[in-house]
PDB file of N, CA and C in Angstrom:
ATOM      1  N   MET A   1     -51.519  66.692  45.240  1.00  0.00           N
ATOM      2  CA  MET A   1     -51.032  65.099  45.248  1.00  0.00           C
ATOM      3  C   MET A   1     -49.720  64.584  43.971  1.00  0.00           C
ATOM      4  N   ASN A   2     -48.812  64.858  44.408  1.00  0.00           N
ATOM      5  CA  ASN A   2     -47.922  64.181  43.078  1.00  0.00           C
ATOM      6  C   ASN A   2     -48.000  63.047  42.602  1.00  0.00           C
ATOM      7  N   PHE A   3     -47.166  62.548  41.136  1.00  0.00           N
ATOM      8  CA  PHE A   3     -47.561  61.956  40.557  1.00  0.00           C
ATOM      9  C   PHE A   3     -47.276  60.353  40.970  1.00  0.00           C
ATOM     10  N   ILE A   4     -46.242  60.669  41.827  1.00  0.00           N
ATOM     11  CA  ILE A   4     -46.093  59.172  42.241  1.00  0.00           C
ATOM     12  C   ILE A   4     -47.229  58.371  43.576  1.00  0.00           C
ATOM     13  N   LYS A   5     -47.277  59.461  44.365  1.00  0.00           N
ATOM     14  CA  LYS A   5     -48.401  58.833  45.202  1.00  0.00           C
ATOM     15  C   LYS A   5     -49.781  58.520  43.933  1.00  0.00           C
ATOM     16  N   ARG A   6     -49.984  59.483  43.008  1.00  0.00           N
ATOM     17  CA  ARG A   6     -51.372  59.069  42.009  1.00  0.00           C
ATOM     18  C   ARG A   6     -51.213  57.746  41.053  1.00  0.00           C
ATOM     19  N   LEU A   7     -49.855  57.376  41.123  1.00  0.00           N
ATOM     20  CA  LEU A   7     -48.964  56.325  40.188  1.00  0.00           C
ATOM     21  C   LEU A   7     -49.143  54.948  41.346  1.00  0.00           C
ATOM     22  N   THR A   8     -49.531  55.373  42.665  1.00  0.00           N
ATOM     23  CA  THR A   8     -49.993  54.012  43.123  1.00  0.00           C
ATOM     24  C   THR A   8     -51.185  53.910  43.875  1.00  0.00           C
ATOM     25  N   PHE A   9     -51.867  55.071  43.930  1.00  0.00           N
ATOM     26  CA  PHE A   9     -53.205  54.472  43.992  1.00  0.00           C
ATOM     27  C   PHE A   9     -53.787  53.405  42.806  1.00  0.00           C
ATOM     28  N   PHE A  10     -53.638  54.613  41.402  1.00  0.00           N
ATOM     29  CA  PHE A  10     -53.990  53.673  40.492  1.00  0.00           C
ATOM     30  C   PHE A  10     -53.295  52.208  40.184  1.00  0.00           C
ATOM     31  N   SER A  11     -51.919  51.499  40.714  1.00  0.00           N
ATOM     32  CA  SER A  11     -51.829  50.737  40.265  1.00  0.00           C
ATOM     33  C   SER A  11     -51.844  49.124  41.623  1.00  0.00           C
ATOM     34  N   ALA A  12     -52.227  50.636  42.554  1.00  0.00           N
ATOM     35  CA  ALA A  12     -53.484  49.739  43.762  1.00  0.00           C
ATOM     36  C   ALA A  12     -54.934  49.145  43.484  1.00  0.00           C
ATOM     37  N   GLY A  13     -55.524  49.938  42.300  1.00  0.00           N
ATOM     38  CA  GLY A  13     -56.780  49.858  42.145  1.00  0.00           C
ATOM     39  C   GLY A  13     -56.595  48.901  40.907  1.00  0.00           C
ATOM     40  N   PHE A  14     -55.431  49.178  40.151  1.00  0.00           N
ATOM     41  CA  PHE A  14     -56.050  47.990  38.794  1.00  0.00           C
ATOM     42  C   PHE A  14     -55.293  46.756  39.344  1.00  0.00           C
ATOM     43  N   MET A  15     -54.505  46.551  40.095  1.00  0.00           N
ATOM     44  CA  MET A  15     -54.456  44.917  40.739  1.00  0.00           C
ATOM     45  C   MET A  15     -55.235  44.200  41.657  1.00  0.00           C
ATOM     46  N   ILE A  16     -56.139  45.157  42.165  1.00  0.00           N
ATOM     47  CA  ILE A  16     -57.442  44.982  43.192  1.00  0.00           C
ATOM     48  C   ILE A  16     -58.544  44.405  42.685  1.00  0.00           C
ATOM     49  N   GLY A  17     -58.582  45.390  40.803  1.00  0.00           N
ATOM     50  CA  GLY A  17     -59.589  45.164  40.131  1.00  0.00           C
ATOM     51  C   GLY A  17     -59.290  43.749  39.152  1.00  0.00           C
ATOM     52  N   MET A  18     -58.308  43.743  38.674  1.00  0.00           N
ATOM     53  CA  MET A  18     -57.521  42.006  38.000  1.00  0.00           C
ATOM     54  C   MET A  18     -57.699  41.316  38.661  1.00  0.00           C
ATOM     55  N   LEU A  19     -57.522  41.302  40.616  1.00  0.00           N
ATOM     56  CA  LEU A  19     -57.635  40.129  41.292  1.00  0.00           C
ATOM     57  C   LEU A  19     -59.412  39.912  40.913  1.00  0.00           C
ATOM     58  N   PHE A  20     -60.168  40.936  41.099  1.00  0.00           N
ATOM     59  CA  PHE A  20     -61.294  40.426  41.039  1.00  0.00           C
ATOM     60  C   PHE A  20     -61.803  39.869  40.052  1.00  0.00           C
ATOM     61  N   LEU A  21     -61.568  40.284  38.811  1.00  0.00           N
ATOM     62  CA  LEU A  21     -62.543  39.287  37.556  1.00  0.00           C
ATOM     63  C   LEU A  21     -61.242  37.772  37.682  1.00  0.00           C
ATOM     64  N   MET A  22     -60.196  38.162  37.961  1.00  0.00           N
ATOM     65  CA  MET A  22     -59.627  36.168  37.669  1.00  0.00           C
ATOM     66  C   MET A  22     -60.220  35.820  38.944  1.00  0.00           C
ATOM     67  N   PHE A  23     -60.545  36.590  40.124  1.00  0.00           N
ATOM     68  CA  PHE A  23     -61.799  35.573  40.719  1.00  0.00           C
ATOM     69  C   PHE A  23     -62.800  35.131  40.430  1.00  0.00           C
ATOM     70  N   PHE A  24     -63.283  35.959  40.171  1.00  0.00           N
ATOM     71  CA  PHE A  24     -65.018  35.982  39.287  1.00  0.00           C
ATOM     72  C   PHE A  24     -65.026  35.004  38.088  1.00  0.00           C
ATOM     73  N   LEU A  25     -63.962  35.390  36.943  1.00  0.00           N
ATOM     74  CA  LEU A  25     -64.059  34.675  35.775  1.00  0.00           C
ATOM     75  C   LEU A  25     -63.471  33.748  35.305  1.00  0.00           C
ATOM     76  N   SER A  26     -62.864  33.108  36.947  1.00  0.00           N
ATOM     77  CA  SER A  26     -61.511  31.825  36.573  1.00  0.00           C
ATOM     78  C   SER A  26     -62.683  30.650  36.040  1.00  0.00           C
ATOM     79  N   GLY A  27     -63.578  30.198  36.356  1.00  0.00           N
ATOM     80  CA  GLY A  27     -64.326  28.884  36.330  1.00  0.00           C
ATOM     81  C   GLY A  27     -65.551  28.812  35.033  1.00  0.00           C
ATOM     82  N   LYS A  28     -65.221  29.842  34.360  1.00  0.00           N
ATOM     83  CA  LYS A  28     -66.405  30.805  33.191  1.00  0.00           C
ATOM     84  C   LYS A  28     -65.257  30.208  32.351  1.00  0.00           C
ATOM     85  N   LYS A  29     -65.935  29.905  31.290  1.00  0.00           N
ATOM     86  CA  LYS A  29     -65.652  29.554  29.839  1.00  0.00           C
ATOM     87  C   LYS A  29     -66.084  30.506  28.880  1.00  0.00           C
ATOM     88  N   THR A  30     -65.388  32.015  29.360  1.00  0.00           N
ATOM     89  CA  THR A  30     -65.936  33.175  28.782  1.00  0.00           C
ATOM     90  C   THR A  30     -64.702  33.560  27.685  1.00  0.00           C
ATOM     91  N   SER A  31     -65.084  34.073  26.428  1.00  0.00           N
ATOM     92  CA  SER A  31     -64.449  34.831  25.431  1.00  0.00           C
ATOM     93  C   SER A  31     -65.009  36.376  24.776  1.00  0.00           C
ATOM     94  N   CYS A  32     -64.006  37.127  24.576  1.00  0.00           N
ATOM     95  CA  CYS A  32     -64.657  37.789  23.881  1.00  0.00           C
ATOM     96  C   CYS A  32     -64.666  37.961  22.449  1.00  0.00           C
ATOM     97  N   ASN A  33     -65.645  37.592  21.654  1.00  0.00           N
ATOM     98  CA  ASN A  33     -65.832  37.971  20.665  1.00  0.00           C
ATOM     99  C   ASN A  33     -66.170  38.639  20.133  1.00  0.00           C
ATOM    100  N   TYR A  34     -65.753  39.972  19.764  1.00  0.00           N
ATOM    101  CA  TYR A  34     -66.524  41.121  19.091  1.00  0.00           C
ATOM    102  C   TYR A  34     -66.622  41.543  17.443  1.00  0.00           C
ATOM    103  N   MET A  35     -65.901  40.285  16.917  1.00  0.00           N
ATOM    104  CA  MET A  35     -66.180  40.139  15.132  1.00  0.00           C
ATOM    105  C   MET A  35     -67.142  39.351  14.944  1.00  0.00           C
ATOM    106  N   PRO A  36     -67.787  39.348  13.340  1.00  0.00           N
ATOM    107  CA  PRO A  36     -69.505  38.776  13.177  1.00  0.00           C
ATOM    108  C   PRO A  36     -68.335  37.091  13.417  1.00  0.00           C
ATOM    109  N   ASN A  37     -67.082  37.082  12.817  1.00  0.00           N
ATOM    110  CA  ASN A  37     -66.960  35.888  12.183  1.00  0.00           C
ATOM    111  C   ASN A  37     -66.687  34.696  13.578  1.00  0.00           C
ATOM    112  N   SER A  38     -66.171  35.436  14.411  1.00  0.00           N
ATOM    113  CA  SER A  38     -65.843  34.823  15.618  1.00  0.00           C
ATOM    114  C   SER A  38     -66.938  35.000  16.411  1.00  0.00           C
ATOM    115  N   ARG A  39     -68.588  35.505  16.534  1.00  0.00           N
ATOM    116  CA  ARG A  39     -69.399  34.822  16.697  1.00  0.00           C
ATOM    117  C   ARG A  39     -70.025  34.732  16.343  1.00  0.00           C
ATOM    118  N   VAL A  40     -70.197  33.664  14.900  1.00  0.00           N
ATOM    119  CA  VAL A  40     -70.898  32.451  14.595  1.00  0.00           C
ATOM    120  C   VAL A  40     -70.185  31.617  14.470  1.00  0.00           C
ATOM    121  N   LYS A  41     -68.996  31.741  14.336  1.00  0.00           N
ATOM    122  CA  LYS A  41     -68.193  30.492  14.675  1.00  0.00           C
ATOM    123  C   LYS A  41     -68.019  29.914  16.051  1.00  0.00           C
ATOM    124  N   ASN A  42     -68.505  30.186  17.211  1.00  0.00           N
ATOM    125  CA  ASN A  42     -68.069  30.447  18.531  1.00  0.00           C
ATOM    126  C   ASN A  42     -69.665  29.618  18.739  1.00  0.00           C
ATOM    127  N   ASP A  43     -70.337  30.585  18.243  1.00  0.00           N
ATOM    128  CA  ASP A  43     -72.497  30.055  18.531  1.00  0.00           C
ATOM    129  C   ASP A  43     -72.206  28.345  17.386  1.00  0.00           C
ATOM    130  N   ILE A  44     -71.704  28.289  16.694  1.00  0.00           N
ATOM    131  CA  ILE A  44     -71.492  27.078  16.048  1.00  0.00           C
ATOM    132  C   ILE A  44     -71.158  25.683  17.128  1.00  0.00           C
ATOM    133  N   LEU A  45     -69.984  26.113  17.017  1.00  0.00           N
ATOM    134  CA  LEU A  45     -68.987  25.119  17.793  1.00  0.00           C
ATOM    135  C   LEU A  45     -69.342  24.815  19.280  1.00  0.00           C
ATOM    136  N   LYS A  46     -70.700  24.837  19.688  1.00  0.00           N
ATOM    137  CA  LYS A  46     -71.340  25.391  21.112  1.00  0.00           C
ATOM    138  C   LYS A  46     -72.059  24.281  20.471  1.00  0.00           C
ATOM    139  N   LYS A  47     -73.088  24.185  19.524  1.00  0.00           N
ATOM    140  CA  LYS A  47     -74.169  23.549  19.889  1.00  0.00           C
ATOM    141  C   LYS A  47     -73.525  22.096  19.186  1.00  0.00           C
ATOM    142  N   ASN A  48     -74.706  21.037  18.881  1.00  0.00           N
ATOM    143  CA  ASN A  48     -74.715  20.101  18.371  1.00  0.00           C
ATOM    144  C   ASN A  48     -74.164  19.876  17.352  1.00  0.00           C
ATOM    145  N   ILE A  49     -73.496  19.270  16.232  1.00  0.00           N
ATOM    146  CA  ILE A  49     -73.113  19.450  14.704  1.00  0.00           C
ATOM    147  C   ILE A  49     -73.751  18.418  14.368  1.00  0.00           C
ATOM    148  N   SER A  50     -74.701  18.373  13.403  1.00  0.00           N
ATOM    149  CA  SER A  50     -75.656  16.830  12.956  1.00  0.00           C
ATOM    150  C   SER A  50     -74.963  17.207  11.212  1.00  0.00           C
ATOM    151  N   PHE A  51     -74.770  16.140  10.527  1.00  0.00           N
ATOM    152  CA  PHE A  51     -74.281  16.316   9.078  1.00  0.00           C
ATOM    153  C   PHE A  51     -75.448  15.378   7.998  1.00  0.00           C
ATOM    154  N   SER A  52     -76.091  16.395   7.670  1.00  0.00           N
ATOM    155  CA  SER A  52     -77.275  15.626   6.361  1.00  0.00           C
ATOM    156  C   SER A  52     -76.718  15.123   5.468  1.00  0.00           C
ATOM    157  N   ASN A  53     -75.546  14.992   4.944  1.00  0.00           N
ATOM    158  CA  ASN A  53     -75.138  14.234   3.751  1.00  0.00           C
ATOM    159  C   ASN A  53     -73.842  13.731   4.144  1.00  0.00           C
ATOM    160  N   LEU A  54     -73.195  13.037   5.252  1.00  0.00           N
ATOM    161  CA  LEU A  54     -71.710  12.733   5.518  1.00  0.00           C
ATOM    162  C   LEU A  54     -71.613  11.661   4.637  1.00  0.00           C
ATOM    163  N   LYS A  55     -70.461  12.113   3.556  1.00  0.00           N
ATOM    164  CA  LYS A  55     -69.848  11.089   2.112  1.00  0.00           C
ATOM    165  C   LYS A  55     -68.729  10.115   3.142  1.00  0.00           C
ATOM    166  N   ASN A  56     -68.296  10.340   3.696  1.00  0.00           N
ATOM    167  CA  ASN A  56     -67.237   9.628   4.389  1.00  0.00           C
ATOM    168  C   ASN A  56     -67.025  10.030   5.866  1.00  0.00           C
ATOM    169  N   LYS A  57     -66.995   9.278   6.368  1.00  0.00           N
ATOM    170  CA  LYS A  57     -66.734   9.918   8.175  1.00  0.00           C
ATOM    171  C   LYS A  57     -65.677  10.211   8.515  1.00  0.00           C
ATOM    172  N   SER A  58     -64.474  10.164   7.783  1.00  0.00           N
ATOM    173  CA  SER A  58     -63.389  10.835   7.763  1.00  0.00           C
ATOM    174  C   SER A  58     -62.773  12.240   8.033  1.00  0.00           C
ATOM    175  N   ASP A  59     -64.528  12.860   6.987  1.00  0.00           N
ATOM    176  CA  ASP A  59     -64.597  14.152   6.369  1.00  0.00           C
ATOM    177  C   ASP A  59     -65.110  14.938   7.782  1.00  0.00           C
ATOM    178  N   SER A  60     -65.767  14.446   8.457  1.00  0.00           N
ATOM    179  CA  SER A  60     -66.460  14.898   9.202  1.00  0.00           C
ATOM    180  C   SER A  60     -65.167  16.046  10.233  1.00  0.00           C
ATOM    181  N   LEU A  61     -63.717  15.240  10.696  1.00  0.00           N
ATOM    182  CA  LEU A  61     -62.915  15.939  11.430  1.00  0.00           C
ATOM    183  C   LEU A  61     -62.411  17.053  10.414  1.00  0.00           C
ATOM    184  N   VAL A  62     -62.216  17.500   9.159  1.00  0.00           N
ATOM    185  CA  VAL A  62     -62.033  17.863   7.924  1.00  0.00           C
ATOM    186  C   VAL A  62     -62.725  18.561   8.521  1.00  0.00           C
ATOM    187  N   ILE A  63     -64.321  18.762   8.750  1.00  0.00           N
ATOM    188  CA  ILE A  63     -65.179  19.958   8.332  1.00  0.00           C
ATOM    189  C   ILE A  63     -65.461  20.602   9.789  1.00  0.00           C
ATOM    190  N   LEU A  64     -65.260  20.226  10.541  1.00  0.00           N
ATOM    191  CA  LEU A  64     -64.847  20.289  12.466  1.00  0.00           C
ATOM    192  C   LEU A  64     -63.601  21.611  12.092  1.00  0.00           C
ATOM    193  N   ASN A  65     -62.730  21.606  11.847  1.00  0.00           N
ATOM    194  CA  ASN A  65     -61.393  22.065  11.839  1.00  0.00           C
ATOM    195  C   ASN A  65     -61.547  23.324  10.908  1.00  0.00           C
ATOM    196  N   SER A  66     -62.402  22.928   9.643  1.00  0.00           N
ATOM    197  CA  SER A  66     -62.827  24.038   8.440  1.00  0.00           C
ATOM    198  C   SER A  66     -63.757  25.053   9.445  1.00  0.00           C
ATOM    199  N   ILE A  67     -64.483  24.577  10.438  1.00  0.00           N
ATOM    200  CA  ILE A  67     -65.836  25.302  10.756  1.00  0.00           C
ATOM    201  C   ILE A  67     -64.629  26.453  11.455  1.00  0.00           C
ATOM    202  N   SER A  68     -63.519  25.825  12.617  1.00  0.00           N
ATOM    203  CA  SER A  68     -62.714  26.399  13.028  1.00  0.00           C
ATOM    204  C   SER A  68     -61.885  28.127  12.552  1.00  0.00           C
ATOM    205  N   ASN A  69     -60.998  26.824  11.005  1.00  0.00           N
ATOM    206  CA  ASN A  69     -60.343  28.020  10.549  1.00  0.00           C
ATOM    207  C   ASN A  69     -60.190  28.518   9.356  1.00  0.00           C
ATOM    208  N   GLY A  70     -61.831  28.446   8.796  1.00  0.00           N
ATOM    209  CA  GLY A  70     -62.095  28.854   7.806  1.00  0.00           C
ATOM    210  C   GLY A  70     -62.903  30.554   7.707  1.00  0.00           C
ATOM    211  N   ASP A  71     -63.523  30.852   6.759  1.00  0.00           N
ATOM    212  CA  ASP A  71     -63.763  32.380   6.413  1.00  0.00           C
ATOM    213  C   ASP A  71     -65.122  32.251   6.127  1.00  0.00           C
ATOM    214  N   ILE A  72     -65.910  32.882   7.094  1.00  0.00           N
ATOM    215  CA  ILE A  72     -67.732  33.096   6.280  1.00  0.00           C
ATOM    216  C   ILE A  72     -67.424  34.201   5.249  1.00  0.00           C
ATOM    217  N   ILE A  73     -68.566  33.074   4.643  1.00  0.00           N
ATOM    218  CA  ILE A  73     -68.530  34.530   3.324  1.00  0.00           C
ATOM    219  C   ILE A  73     -69.564  35.214   3.719  1.00  0.00           C
ATOM    220  N   PHE A  74     -69.950  35.847   4.103  1.00  0.00           N
ATOM    221  CA  PHE A  74     -71.462  36.914   4.407  1.00  0.00           C
ATOM    222  C   PHE A  74     -72.045  36.832   3.206  1.00  0.00           C
ATOM    223  N   SER A  75     -71.516  37.559   2.105  1.00  0.00           N
ATOM    224  CA  SER A  75     -72.222  37.497   0.933  1.00  0.00           C
ATOM    225  C   SER A  75     -72.971  36.412   0.230  1.00  0.00           C
ATOM    226  N   LYS A  76     -72.147  35.497   0.797  1.00  0.00           N
ATOM    227  CA  LYS A  76     -73.215  34.120   0.018  1.00  0.00           C
ATOM    228  C   LYS A  76     -74.119  33.398   0.712  1.00  0.00           C
ATOM    229  N   SER A  77     -74.272  33.937   2.183  1.00  0.00           N
ATOM    230  CA  SER A  77     -74.700  33.150   3.312  1.00  0.00           C
ATOM    231  C   SER A  77     -76.003  34.442   3.396  1.00  0.00           C
ATOM    232  N   ASN A  78     -77.082  33.429   3.767  1.00  0.00           N
ATOM    233  CA  ASN A  78     -78.383  33.918   4.315  1.00  0.00           C
ATOM    234  C   ASN A  78     -78.726  34.349   5.415  1.00  0.00           C
ATOM    235  N   THR A  79     -78.298  35.474   6.618  1.00  0.00           N
ATOM    236  CA  THR A  79     -78.905  35.248   7.204  1.00  0.00           C
ATOM    237  C   THR A  79     -80.191  35.947   7.847  1.00  0.00           C
ATOM    238  N   THR A  80     -80.803  36.391   7.083  1.00  0.00           N
ATOM    239  CA  THR A  80     -82.232  36.750   6.894  1.00  0.00           C
ATOM    240  C   THR A  80     -82.816  35.755   7.351  1.00  0.00           C
ATOM    241  N   LYS A  81     -83.009  34.677   7.133  1.00  0.00           N
ATOM    242  CA  LYS A  81     -84.019  33.447   7.895  1.00  0.00           C
ATOM    243  C   LYS A  81     -84.457  33.751   9.527  1.00  0.00           C
ATOM    244  N   GLN A  82     -85.381  33.012   9.283  1.00  0.00           N
ATOM    245  CA  GLN A  82     -85.754  33.673  10.427  1.00  0.00           C
ATOM    246  C   GLN A  82     -86.288  31.691  11.887  1.00  0.00           C
ATOM    247  N   LYS A  83     -86.329  31.246  10.986  1.00  0.00           N
ATOM    248  CA  LYS A  83     -85.845  29.418  12.056  1.00  0.00           C
ATOM    249  C   LYS A  83     -84.544  29.755  12.099  1.00  0.00           C
ATOM    250  N   CYS A  84     -83.616  28.931  10.678  1.00  0.00           N
ATOM    251  CA  CYS A  84     -82.170  28.721  10.809  1.00  0.00           C
ATOM    252  C   CYS A  84     -81.417  29.589   9.754  1.00  0.00           C
ATOM    253  N   LYS A  85     -80.615  30.165  10.221  1.00  0.00           N
ATOM    254  CA  LYS A  85     -80.051  31.376   9.285  1.00  0.00           C
ATOM    255  C   LYS A  85     -78.788  30.399   8.698  1.00  0.00           C
ATOM    256  N   GLU A  86     -78.653  30.691   7.388  1.00  0.00           N
ATOM    257  CA  GLU A  86     -77.555  29.534   6.732  1.00  0.00           C
ATOM    258  C   GLU A  86     -75.911  29.833   6.283  1.00  0.00           C
ATOM    259  N   TYR A  87     -75.291  30.000   6.771  1.00  0.00           N
ATOM    260  CA  TYR A  87     -73.846  30.121   6.792  1.00  0.00           C
ATOM    261  C   TYR A  87     -72.839  29.714   5.629  1.00  0.00           C
ATOM    262  N   TYR A  88     -72.163  30.744   4.628  1.00  0.00           N
ATOM    263  CA  TYR A  88     -71.483  29.829   3.661  1.00  0.00           C
ATOM    264  C   TYR A  88     -69.817  29.932   4.301  1.00  0.00           C
ATOM    265  N   PHE A  89     -69.190  28.900   4.620  1.00  0.00           N
ATOM    266  CA  PHE A  89     -67.663  28.630   4.480  1.00  0.00           C
ATOM    267  C   PHE A  89     -66.975  28.645   4.111  1.00  0.00           C
ATOM    268  N   GLU A  90     -65.600  28.982   3.960  1.00  0.00           N
ATOM    269  CA  GLU A  90     -64.558  28.258   2.893  1.00  0.00           C
ATOM    270  C   GLU A  90     -63.306  28.303   3.571  1.00  0.00           C
ATOM    271  N   ASN A  91     -62.542  27.624   3.209  1.00  0.00           N
ATOM    272  CA  ASN A  91     -61.357  27.014   3.835  1.00  0.00           C
ATOM    273  C   ASN A  91     -60.319  26.508   3.253  1.00  0.00           C
ATOM    274  N   ASN A  92     -59.619  27.456   3.196  1.00  0.00           N
ATOM    275  CA  ASN A  92     -58.374  27.537   1.702  1.00  0.00           C
ATOM    276  C   ASN A  92     -57.218  26.726   2.614  1.00  0.00           C
ATOM    277  N   SER A  93     -56.787  26.049   2.306  1.00  0.00           N
ATOM    278  CA  SER A  93     -55.461  25.250   3.056  1.00  0.00           C
ATOM    279  C   SER A  93     -54.361  24.713   1.940  1.00  0.00           C
ATOM    280  N   LYS A  94     -52.947  24.203   2.367  1.00  0.00           N
ATOM    281  CA  LYS A  94     -52.115  23.786   0.911  1.00  0.00           C
ATOM    282  C   LYS A  94     -52.739  22.702   0.759  1.00  0.00           C
ATOM    283  N   ILE A  95     -53.000  21.840   1.399  1.00  0.00           N
ATOM    284  CA  ILE A  95     -53.605  20.644   1.183  1.00  0.00           C
ATOM    285  C   ILE A  95     -55.213  20.281   0.181  1.00  0.00           C
ATOM    286  N   ASN A  96     -55.936  20.929   0.845  1.00  0.00           N
ATOM    287  CA  ASN A  96     -57.534  21.149   0.542  1.00  0.00           C
ATOM    288  C   ASN A  96     -58.351  22.053   0.443  1.00  0.00           C
ATOM    289  N   GLU A  97     -59.115  22.306  -0.522  1.00  0.00           N
ATOM    290  CA  GLU A  97     -59.462  23.223  -0.680  1.00  0.00           C
ATOM    291  C   GLU A  97     -61.590  23.092  -0.605  1.00  0.00           C
ATOM    292  N   ILE A  98     -61.842  23.760   0.624  1.00  0.00           N
ATOM    293  CA  ILE A  98     -63.336  23.285   1.528  1.00  0.00           C
ATOM    294  C   ILE A  98     -64.175  24.258   1.426  1.00  0.00           C
ATOM    295  N   TRP A  99     -65.117  24.214   0.994  1.00  0.00           N
ATOM    296  CA  TRP A  99     -66.528  25.190   1.667  1.00  0.00           C
ATOM    297  C   TRP A  99     -68.132  24.178   2.433  1.00  0.00           C
ATOM    298  N   LEU A 100     -68.567  24.974   3.280  1.00  0.00           N
ATOM    299  CA  LEU A 100     -69.174  24.203   3.800  1.00  0.00           C
ATOM    300  C   LEU A 100     -70.857  25.683   3.625  1.00  0.00           C
ATOM    301  N   ARG A 101     -71.811  24.356   3.609  1.00  0.00           N
ATOM    302  CA  ARG A 101     -73.573  24.927   3.980  1.00  0.00           C
ATOM    303  C   ARG A 101     -73.770  24.916   5.286  1.00  0.00           C
ATOM    304  N   ILE A 102     -73.915  25.664   6.207  1.00  0.00           N
ATOM    305  CA  ILE A 102     -74.282  25.174   7.276  1.00  0.00           C
ATOM    306  C   ILE A 102     -75.330  26.327   8.150  1.00  0.00           C
ATOM    307  N   ASN A 103     -76.225  25.478   8.340  1.00  0.00           N
ATOM    308  CA  ASN A 103     -78.169  25.544   8.470  1.00  0.00           C
ATOM    309  C   ASN A 103     -77.867  26.222  10.273  1.00  0.00           C
ATOM    310  N   ASN A 104     -77.514  27.113  11.235  1.00  0.00           N
ATOM    311  CA  ASN A 104     -77.726  27.434  11.971  1.00  0.00           C
ATOM    312  C   ASN A 104     -78.852  27.822  12.993  1.00  0.00           C
ATOM    313  N   CYS A 105     -79.352  26.732  13.624  1.00  0.00           N
ATOM    314  CA  CYS A 105     -80.204  26.327  14.427  1.00  0.00           C
ATOM    315  C   CYS A 105     -80.391  27.056  15.449  1.00  0.00           C
ATOM    316  N   LYS A 106     -81.186  27.344  16.271  1.00  0.00           N
ATOM    317  CA  LYS A 106     -81.285  27.910  18.174  1.00  0.00           C
ATOM    318  C   LYS A 106     -80.150  26.410  18.897  1.00  0.00           C
ATOM    319  N   ASP A 107     -80.813  25.157  18.761  1.00  0.00           N
ATOM    320  CA  ASP A 107     -80.676  24.099  19.278  1.00  0.00           C
ATOM    321  C   ASP A 107     -79.562  23.875  18.573  1.00  0.00           C
ATOM    322  N   LYS A 108     -79.156  23.454  17.338  1.00  0.00           N
ATOM    323  CA  LYS A 108     -78.326  22.919  16.851  1.00  0.00           C
ATOM    324  C   LYS A 108     -78.048  23.300  15.424  1.00  0.00           C
ATOM    325  N   ALA A 109     -76.706  23.180  14.879  1.00  0.00           N
ATOM    326  CA  ALA A 109     -77.008  23.669  13.428  1.00  0.00           C
ATOM    327  C   ALA A 109     -76.310  21.828  12.722  1.00  0.00           C
ATOM    328  N   ILE A 110     -76.253  22.255  11.315  1.00  0.00           N
ATOM    329  CA  ILE A 110     -76.695  21.239  10.521  1.00  0.00           C
ATOM    330  C   ILE A 110     -75.754  21.667   9.327  1.00  0.00           C
ATOM    331  N   ILE A 111     -74.711  21.051   8.738  1.00  0.00           N
ATOM    332  CA  ILE A 111     -74.258  20.812   8.152  1.00  0.00           C
ATOM    333  C   ILE A 111     -75.294  19.899   6.745  1.00  0.00           C
ATOM    334  N   SER A 112     -75.715  21.391   5.827  1.00  0.00           N
ATOM    335  CA  SER A 112     -76.209  20.633   4.316  1.00  0.00           C
ATOM    336  C   SER A 112     -75.408  20.492   3.579  1.00  0.00           C
ATOM    337  N   ASP A 113     -74.506  21.229   3.244  1.00  0.00           N
ATOM    338  CA  ASP A 113     -73.914  20.269   1.719  1.00  0.00           C
ATOM    339  C   ASP A 113     -72.452  20.890   2.068  1.00  0.00           C
ATOM    340  N   TYR A 114     -71.775  20.567   1.537  1.00  0.00           N
ATOM    341  CA  TYR A 114     -69.989  20.669   1.912  1.00  0.00           C
ATOM    342  C   TYR A 114     -69.179  19.726   0.619  1.00  0.00           C
ATOM    343  N   SER A 115     -67.962  20.297   0.387  1.00  0.00           N
ATOM    344  CA  SER A 115     -67.343  19.766  -0.749  1.00  0.00           C
ATOM    345  C   SER A 115     -65.473  20.266  -0.534  1.00  0.00           C
ATOM    346  N   ILE A 116     -65.012  18.566  -0.450  1.00  0.00           N
ATOM    347  CA  ILE A 116     -63.652  18.579  -0.477  1.00  0.00           C
ATOM    348  C   ILE A 116     -62.831  18.281  -1.503  1.00  0.00           C
ATOM    349  N   LYS A 117     -62.126  19.347  -1.820  1.00  0.00           N
ATOM    350  CA  LYS A 117     -60.771  19.135  -3.240  1.00  0.00           C
ATOM    351  C   LYS A 117     -59.394  19.081  -2.573  1.00  0.00           C
ATOM    352  N   LYS A 118     -59.108  17.946  -2.616  1.00  0.00           N
ATOM    353  CA  LYS A 118     -57.753  17.645  -3.134  1.00  0.00           C
ATOM    354  C   LYS A 118     -56.838  18.424  -3.989  1.00  0.00           C
ATOM    355  N   ILE A 119     -55.901  19.412  -3.498  1.00  0.00           N
ATOM    356  CA  ILE A 119     -54.781  19.891  -3.992  1.00  0.00           C
ATOM    357  C   ILE A 119     -53.363  19.267  -4.407  1.00  0.00           C
ATOM    358  N   ASN A 120     -53.481  19.292  -5.842  1.00  0.00           N
ATOM    359  CA  ASN A 120     -52.092  17.923  -5.951  1.00  0.00           C
ATOM    360  C   ASN A 120     -50.655  19.439  -5.940  1.00  0.00           C
TER     361      ASN A 120
END
């Protein structure tokens, strides 16, 4: 079998496979989070997030934004807890320096402590 026929069969199979995946995965909210940062962020953002000591209501949007855009510092986090794992987030932007401590339980995520510093 020459190269052109092999390429044609490969392309046909590839296209059938792509159509199959598009048909079955079109309505689902699927994502490919392989890195630990992405997996934890995705897990926290799927759950109901509650604030244990919210100082200002406008801080809630800043906090949710820093969860999605921030970095998890695993060296400061306590992931060995059985009931609720504790994660430490940092987000340094041009406007604010933010750190969060989030308890990630099975059914909800609780923001236990946070700090927002404005940069001049």
